[in-house]
Amino acid sequence: MQFLSEALILLDSRSFASPWFWLVFFAAWSLAGRSVLGVPSDVLSRAGRALREDAASTPAEAAMLLDWLRLNIPRMRIGRRGGAVLTGLSCFGLTLLALLGFGYGLEMAQALSLILIPMALLFALRLRLAHHLRWVLEAAHLGQPAREAAAQALRRINRYRTVHAVISVLSVMATALWASLWLLTHPNGL
């Protein structure tokens, strides 16, 4: 019982007023947006620029994009059983955290929920993108021209990046608004 009460005290520490929370929050979002499936942003931008400029041949940047994807996509493979276990455990954990935070009013659990729930959504979208890109790479391996495969991969990646940006902005806005409301209604942390 002592462990449970100490864990609840830890979850109830002042998060929204702490600069460490905001540092971790913005570091998490900036790291989440640095690359897509391990492919650096500069590789994506060079491949997109090369595909727009040179319409006749397959540029080396497009081949480099496909190579990056071929190296990194297998790391994002989760089997059916592992996916079911991962989904179940993450849904349980996030629901428990949100219930502790928003149901019982624990500030640290609210703060963690506001970071982890959007990150879990982005992780699910990243797994979905990897699944779709696996089929694009398979088609390129079976004879689809590399230019078409790279263009198709870039379209899917750019769509993901747009959704990522929207989720990022909404998450930062929701966290800032909720933290402001929390600090206004709980000025002394009570």
C-alpha atoms as a PDB file:
ATOM      1  CA  MET A   1       0.000   0.000   0.000  1.00  0.00           C
ATOM      2  CA  GLN A   2       2.883   2.349   0.729  1.00  0.00           C
ATOM      3  CA  PHE A   3       4.173   1.890  -2.826  1.00  0.00           C
ATOM      4  CA  LEU A   4       0.759   2.765  -4.287  1.00  0.00           C
ATOM      5  CA  SER A   5       0.463   5.959  -2.262  1.00  0.00           C
ATOM      6  CA  GLU A   6       4.013   7.002  -3.230  1.00  0.00           C
ATOM      7  CA  ALA A   7       3.257   6.321  -6.902  1.00  0.00           C
ATOM      8  CA  LEU A   8       0.110   8.474  -6.701  1.00  0.00           C
ATOM      9  CA  ILE A   9       2.089  11.266  -5.001  1.00  0.00           C
ATOM     10  CA  LEU A  10       4.657  11.101  -7.841  1.00  0.00           C
ATOM     11  CA  LEU A  11       1.867  11.340 -10.436  1.00  0.00           C
ATOM     12  CA  ASP A  12       0.407  14.358  -8.639  1.00  0.00           C
ATOM     13  CA  SER A  13       3.532  16.518  -8.787  1.00  0.00           C
ATOM     14  CA  ARG A  14       3.388  19.935 -10.409  1.00  0.00           C
ATOM     15  CA  SER A  15       3.904  19.348 -14.126  1.00  0.00           C
ATOM     16  CA  PHE A  16       2.348  22.230 -15.973  1.00  0.00           C
ATOM     17  CA  ALA A  17       4.244  24.828 -13.931  1.00  0.00           C
ATOM     18  CA  SER A  18       7.566  23.068 -14.364  1.00  0.00           C
ATOM     19  CA  PRO A  19       9.946  24.178 -17.105  1.00  0.00           C
ATOM     20  CA  TRP A  20      11.178  20.566 -17.267  1.00  0.00           C
ATOM     21  CA  PHE A  21       7.772  19.401 -18.470  1.00  0.00           C
ATOM     22  CA  TRP A  22       7.751  21.957 -21.272  1.00  0.00           C
ATOM     23  CA  LEU A  23      11.327  21.093 -22.198  1.00  0.00           C
ATOM     24  CA  VAL A  24      10.447  17.390 -22.448  1.00  0.00           C
ATOM     25  CA  PHE A  25       7.218  18.213 -24.280  1.00  0.00           C
ATOM     26  CA  PHE A  26       8.867  20.299 -27.002  1.00  0.00           C
ATOM     27  CA  ALA A  27      11.852  17.954 -27.251  1.00  0.00           C
ATOM     28  CA  ALA A  28       9.474  15.022 -27.807  1.00  0.00           C
ATOM     29  CA  TRP A  29       7.633  16.854 -30.574  1.00  0.00           C
ATOM     30  CA  SER A  30      10.785  18.107 -32.261  1.00  0.00           C
ATOM     31  CA  LEU A  31      12.335  14.623 -32.213  1.00  0.00           C
ATOM     32  CA  ALA A  32       9.116  13.089 -33.543  1.00  0.00           C
ATOM     33  CA  GLY A  33       9.255  15.335 -36.590  1.00  0.00           C
ATOM     34  CA  ARG A  34      12.924  14.966 -37.500  1.00  0.00           C
ATOM     35  CA  SER A  35      12.548  12.040 -39.858  1.00  0.00           C
ATOM     36  CA  VAL A  36       9.913   9.820 -41.384  1.00  0.00           C
ATOM     37  CA  LEU A  37      10.604   6.115 -40.862  1.00  0.00           C
ATOM     38  CA  GLY A  38      14.288   6.857 -40.399  1.00  0.00           C
ATOM     39  CA  VAL A  39      14.600   8.754 -43.685  1.00  0.00           C
ATOM     40  CA  PRO A  40      16.089  12.219 -43.068  1.00  0.00           C
ATOM     41  CA  SER A  41      14.139  15.234 -44.254  1.00  0.00           C
ATOM     42  CA  ASP A  42      16.910  16.373 -46.594  1.00  0.00           C
ATOM     43  CA  VAL A  43      16.759  13.047 -48.489  1.00  0.00           C
ATOM     44  CA  LEU A  44      13.011  13.514 -48.926  1.00  0.00           C
ATOM     45  CA  SER A  45      13.332  17.100 -50.118  1.00  0.00           C
ATOM     46  CA  ARG A  46      16.161  16.292 -52.560  1.00  0.00           C
ATOM     47  CA  ALA A  47      14.224  13.348 -53.997  1.00  0.00           C
ATOM     48  CA  GLY A  48      11.090  15.466 -54.408  1.00  0.00           C
ATOM     49  CA  ARG A  49      13.028  18.261 -56.079  1.00  0.00           C
ATOM     50  CA  ALA A  50      14.818  15.817 -58.408  1.00  0.00           C
ATOM     51  CA  LEU A  51      11.561  14.103 -59.399  1.00  0.00           C
ATOM     52  CA  ARG A  52       9.953  17.454 -60.224  1.00  0.00           C
ATOM     53  CA  GLU A  53      12.910  18.758 -62.225  1.00  0.00           C
ATOM     54  CA  ASP A  54      13.976  15.711 -64.220  1.00  0.00           C
ATOM     55  CA  ALA A  55      10.874  14.178 -65.781  1.00  0.00           C
ATOM     56  CA  ALA A  56      12.647  11.897 -68.271  1.00  0.00           C
ATOM     57  CA  SER A  57      14.985   9.728 -66.204  1.00  0.00           C
ATOM     58  CA  THR A  58      15.232   8.265 -62.721  1.00  0.00           C
ATOM     59  CA  PRO A  59      17.380  10.609 -60.649  1.00  0.00           C
ATOM     60  CA  ALA A  60      19.920   9.262 -58.200  1.00  0.00           C
ATOM     61  CA  GLU A  61      18.056  10.968 -55.332  1.00  0.00           C
ATOM     62  CA  ALA A  62      14.958   8.887 -56.044  1.00  0.00           C
ATOM     63  CA  ALA A  63      17.037   5.713 -55.943  1.00  0.00           C
ATOM     64  CA  MET A  64      18.611   6.910 -52.690  1.00  0.00           C
ATOM     65  CA  LEU A  65      15.127   7.419 -51.209  1.00  0.00           C
ATOM     66  CA  LEU A  66      14.146   3.878 -52.151  1.00  0.00           C
ATOM     67  CA  ASP A  67      17.393   2.579 -50.628  1.00  0.00           C
ATOM     68  CA  TRP A  68      16.691   4.412 -47.357  1.00  0.00           C
ATOM     69  CA  LEU A  69      13.190   2.984 -47.287  1.00  0.00           C
ATOM     70  CA  ARG A  70      14.433  -0.512 -48.108  1.00  0.00           C
ATOM     71  CA  LEU A  71      16.822  -0.315 -45.150  1.00  0.00           C
ATOM     72  CA  ASN A  72      14.388   1.145 -42.618  1.00  0.00           C
ATOM     73  CA  ILE A  73      10.974  -0.347 -43.443  1.00  0.00           C
ATOM     74  CA  PRO A  74      11.791  -3.870 -42.152  1.00  0.00           C
ATOM     75  CA  ARG A  75      12.434  -2.399 -38.701  1.00  0.00           C
ATOM     76  CA  MET A  76       8.812  -1.277 -38.515  1.00  0.00           C
ATOM     77  CA  ARG A  77       7.376  -4.743 -39.065  1.00  0.00           C
ATOM     78  CA  ILE A  78       5.174  -6.094 -36.290  1.00  0.00           C
ATOM     79  CA  GLY A  79       3.439  -9.450 -36.602  1.00  0.00           C
ATOM     80  CA  ARG A  80      -0.258  -9.988 -35.995  1.00  0.00           C
ATOM     81  CA  ARG A  81       0.172 -11.436 -32.515  1.00  0.00           C
ATOM     82  CA  GLY A  82       2.697  -8.779 -31.515  1.00  0.00           C
ATOM     83  CA  GLY A  83       0.471  -6.061 -32.954  1.00  0.00           C
ATOM     84  CA  ALA A  84      -2.523  -7.306 -30.972  1.00  0.00           C
ATOM     85  CA  VAL A  85      -0.500  -7.426 -27.752  1.00  0.00           C
ATOM     86  CA  LEU A  86       1.028  -3.997 -28.410  1.00  0.00           C
ATOM     87  CA  THR A  87      -2.378  -2.494 -29.190  1.00  0.00           C
ATOM     88  CA  GLY A  88      -3.997  -4.014 -26.127  1.00  0.00           C
ATOM     89  CA  LEU A  89      -1.257  -2.993 -23.710  1.00  0.00           C
ATOM     90  CA  SER A  90      -0.898   0.521 -25.095  1.00  0.00           C
ATOM     91  CA  CYS A  91      -4.677   1.113 -25.071  1.00  0.00           C
ATOM     92  CA  PHE A  92      -4.855  -0.176 -21.495  1.00  0.00           C
ATOM     93  CA  GLY A  93      -1.946   1.992 -20.366  1.00  0.00           C
ATOM     94  CA  LEU A  94      -3.152   5.138 -22.096  1.00  0.00           C
ATOM     95  CA  THR A  95      -6.702   4.654 -20.834  1.00  0.00           C
ATOM     96  CA  LEU A  96      -5.434   4.116 -17.297  1.00  0.00           C
ATOM     97  CA  LEU A  97      -3.246   7.210 -17.529  1.00  0.00           C
ATOM     98  CA  ALA A  98      -6.094   9.339 -18.921  1.00  0.00           C
ATOM     99  CA  LEU A  99      -8.477   8.029 -16.248  1.00  0.00           C
ATOM    100  CA  LEU A 100      -6.012   8.859 -13.483  1.00  0.00           C
ATOM    101  CA  GLY A 101      -5.386  12.288 -14.972  1.00  0.00           C
ATOM    102  CA  PHE A 102      -8.753  13.504 -16.114  1.00  0.00           C
ATOM    103  CA  GLY A 103     -10.982  11.327 -13.943  1.00  0.00           C
ATOM    104  CA  TYR A 104      -9.127  11.720 -10.658  1.00  0.00           C
ATOM    105  CA  GLY A 105      -7.435  15.043 -11.342  1.00  0.00           C
ATOM    106  CA  LEU A 106      -3.768  13.994 -11.101  1.00  0.00           C
ATOM    107  CA  GLU A 107      -1.723  16.651 -12.847  1.00  0.00           C
ATOM    108  CA  MET A 108       1.261  14.482 -13.839  1.00  0.00           C
ATOM    109  CA  ALA A 109      -1.047  11.867 -15.371  1.00  0.00           C
ATOM    110  CA  GLN A 110      -2.774  14.620 -17.356  1.00  0.00           C
ATOM    111  CA  ALA A 111       0.573  15.910 -18.570  1.00  0.00           C
ATOM    112  CA  LEU A 112       1.743  12.443 -19.583  1.00  0.00           C
ATOM    113  CA  SER A 113      -1.577  11.786 -21.329  1.00  0.00           C
ATOM    114  CA  LEU A 114      -1.254  14.984 -23.324  1.00  0.00           C
ATOM    115  CA  ILE A 115       2.182  13.843 -24.525  1.00  0.00           C
ATOM    116  CA  LEU A 116       1.677  10.107 -24.974  1.00  0.00           C
ATOM    117  CA  ILE A 117      -1.779   9.891 -26.578  1.00  0.00           C
ATOM    118  CA  PRO A 118      -0.848  11.958 -29.676  1.00  0.00           C
ATOM    119  CA  MET A 119       2.516  10.161 -29.856  1.00  0.00           C
ATOM    120  CA  ALA A 120       0.720   6.806 -29.823  1.00  0.00           C
ATOM    121  CA  LEU A 121      -1.549   8.018 -32.624  1.00  0.00           C
ATOM    122  CA  LEU A 122       1.487   9.072 -34.655  1.00  0.00           C
ATOM    123  CA  PHE A 123       3.154   5.724 -33.983  1.00  0.00           C
ATOM    124  CA  ALA A 124       0.078   3.924 -35.322  1.00  0.00           C
ATOM    125  CA  LEU A 125       0.085   6.155 -38.410  1.00  0.00           C
ATOM    126  CA  ARG A 126       3.798   5.491 -38.875  1.00  0.00           C
ATOM    127  CA  LEU A 127       3.195   1.731 -38.751  1.00  0.00           C
ATOM    128  CA  ARG A 128       0.417   2.124 -41.317  1.00  0.00           C
ATOM    129  CA  LEU A 129       2.705   4.170 -43.570  1.00  0.00           C
ATOM    130  CA  ALA A 130       5.414   1.502 -43.284  1.00  0.00           C
ATOM    131  CA  HIS A 131       2.885  -1.154 -44.270  1.00  0.00           C
ATOM    132  CA  HIS A 132       1.841   0.805 -47.376  1.00  0.00           C
ATOM    133  CA  LEU A 133       5.431   1.592 -48.334  1.00  0.00           C
ATOM    134  CA  ARG A 134       6.342  -2.070 -47.999  1.00  0.00           C
ATOM    135  CA  TRP A 135       3.967  -2.765 -50.909  1.00  0.00           C
ATOM    136  CA  VAL A 136       5.465   0.101 -52.913  1.00  0.00           C
ATOM    137  CA  LEU A 137       8.958  -1.334 -52.419  1.00  0.00           C
ATOM    138  CA  GLU A 138       7.717  -4.810 -53.313  1.00  0.00           C
ATOM    139  CA  ALA A 139       6.252  -3.470 -56.573  1.00  0.00           C
ATOM    140  CA  ALA A 140       9.560  -1.733 -57.342  1.00  0.00           C
ATOM    141  CA  HIS A 141      11.379  -4.988 -56.659  1.00  0.00           C
ATOM    142  CA  LEU A 142       9.060  -6.857 -59.030  1.00  0.00           C
ATOM    143  CA  GLY A 143       9.663  -4.499 -61.936  1.00  0.00           C
ATOM    144  CA  GLN A 144       7.825  -1.208 -61.413  1.00  0.00           C
ATOM    145  CA  PRO A 145      10.082   1.641 -62.571  1.00  0.00           C
ATOM    146  CA  ALA A 146      12.037   3.208 -59.727  1.00  0.00           C
ATOM    147  CA  ARG A 147      10.820   6.662 -60.686  1.00  0.00           C
ATOM    148  CA  GLU A 148       7.169   5.677 -60.251  1.00  0.00           C
ATOM    149  CA  ALA A 149       7.882   3.859 -56.980  1.00  0.00           C
ATOM    150  CA  ALA A 150       9.787   6.850 -55.584  1.00  0.00           C
ATOM    151  CA  ALA A 151       7.011   9.237 -56.649  1.00  0.00           C
ATOM    152  CA  GLN A 152       4.380   7.018 -55.041  1.00  0.00           C
ATOM    153  CA  ALA A 153       6.442   6.714 -51.844  1.00  0.00           C
ATOM    154  CA  LEU A 154       6.921  10.485 -51.725  1.00  0.00           C
ATOM    155  CA  ARG A 155       3.176  11.076 -52.116  1.00  0.00           C
ATOM    156  CA  ARG A 156       2.431   8.776 -49.185  1.00  0.00           C
ATOM    157  CA  ILE A 157       5.224  10.262 -47.068  1.00  0.00           C
ATOM    158  CA  ASN A 158       4.109  13.837 -47.791  1.00  0.00           C
ATOM    159  CA  ARG A 159       0.540  12.919 -46.852  1.00  0.00           C
ATOM    160  CA  TYR A 160       1.851  11.473 -43.585  1.00  0.00           C
ATOM    161  CA  ARG A 161       3.931  14.598 -42.945  1.00  0.00           C
ATOM    162  CA  THR A 162       0.844  16.779 -43.409  1.00  0.00           C
ATOM    163  CA  VAL A 163      -1.168  14.688 -40.943  1.00  0.00           C
ATOM    164  CA  HIS A 164       1.811  14.732 -38.564  1.00  0.00           C
ATOM    165  CA  ALA A 165       1.976  18.528 -38.718  1.00  0.00           C
ATOM    166  CA  VAL A 166      -1.763  18.879 -38.045  1.00  0.00           C
ATOM    167  CA  ILE A 167      -1.608  16.480 -35.078  1.00  0.00           C
ATOM    168  CA  SER A 168       1.474  18.298 -33.743  1.00  0.00           C
ATOM    169  CA  VAL A 169      -0.146  21.723 -33.897  1.00  0.00           C
ATOM    170  CA  LEU A 170      -3.392  20.480 -32.348  1.00  0.00           C
ATOM    171  CA  SER A 171      -1.513  18.671 -29.592  1.00  0.00           C
ATOM    172  CA  VAL A 172       0.621  21.676 -28.705  1.00  0.00           C
ATOM    173  CA  MET A 173      -2.437  23.946 -28.711  1.00  0.00           C
ATOM    174  CA  ALA A 174      -4.506  21.544 -26.597  1.00  0.00           C
ATOM    175  CA  THR A 175      -1.683  21.062 -24.100  1.00  0.00           C
ATOM    176  CA  ALA A 176      -1.031  24.793 -23.793  1.00  0.00           C
ATOM    177  CA  LEU A 177      -4.725  25.566 -23.341  1.00  0.00           C
ATOM    178  CA  TRP A 178      -5.244  22.761 -20.827  1.00  0.00           C
ATOM    179  CA  ALA A 179      -2.116  23.756 -18.885  1.00  0.00           C
ATOM    180  CA  SER A 180      -3.250  27.395 -18.775  1.00  0.00           C
ATOM    181  CA  LEU A 181      -6.693  26.379 -17.577  1.00  0.00           C
ATOM    182  CA  TRP A 182      -5.168  24.048 -14.983  1.00  0.00           C
ATOM    183  CA  LEU A 183      -2.810  26.732 -13.664  1.00  0.00           C
ATOM    184  CA  LEU A 184      -5.648  29.271 -13.478  1.00  0.00           C
ATOM    185  CA  THR A 185      -7.922  26.930 -11.540  1.00  0.00           C
ATOM    186  CA  HIS A 186      -5.160  25.483  -9.333  1.00  0.00           C
ATOM    187  CA  PRO A 187      -2.879  28.466  -8.575  1.00  0.00           C
ATOM    188  CA  ASN A 188      -1.281  26.852  -5.508  1.00  0.00           C
ATOM    189  CA  GLY A 189      -1.201  23.344  -6.915  1.00  0.00           C
ATOM    190  CA  LEU A 190      -4.225  22.193  -4.937  1.00  0.00           C
END
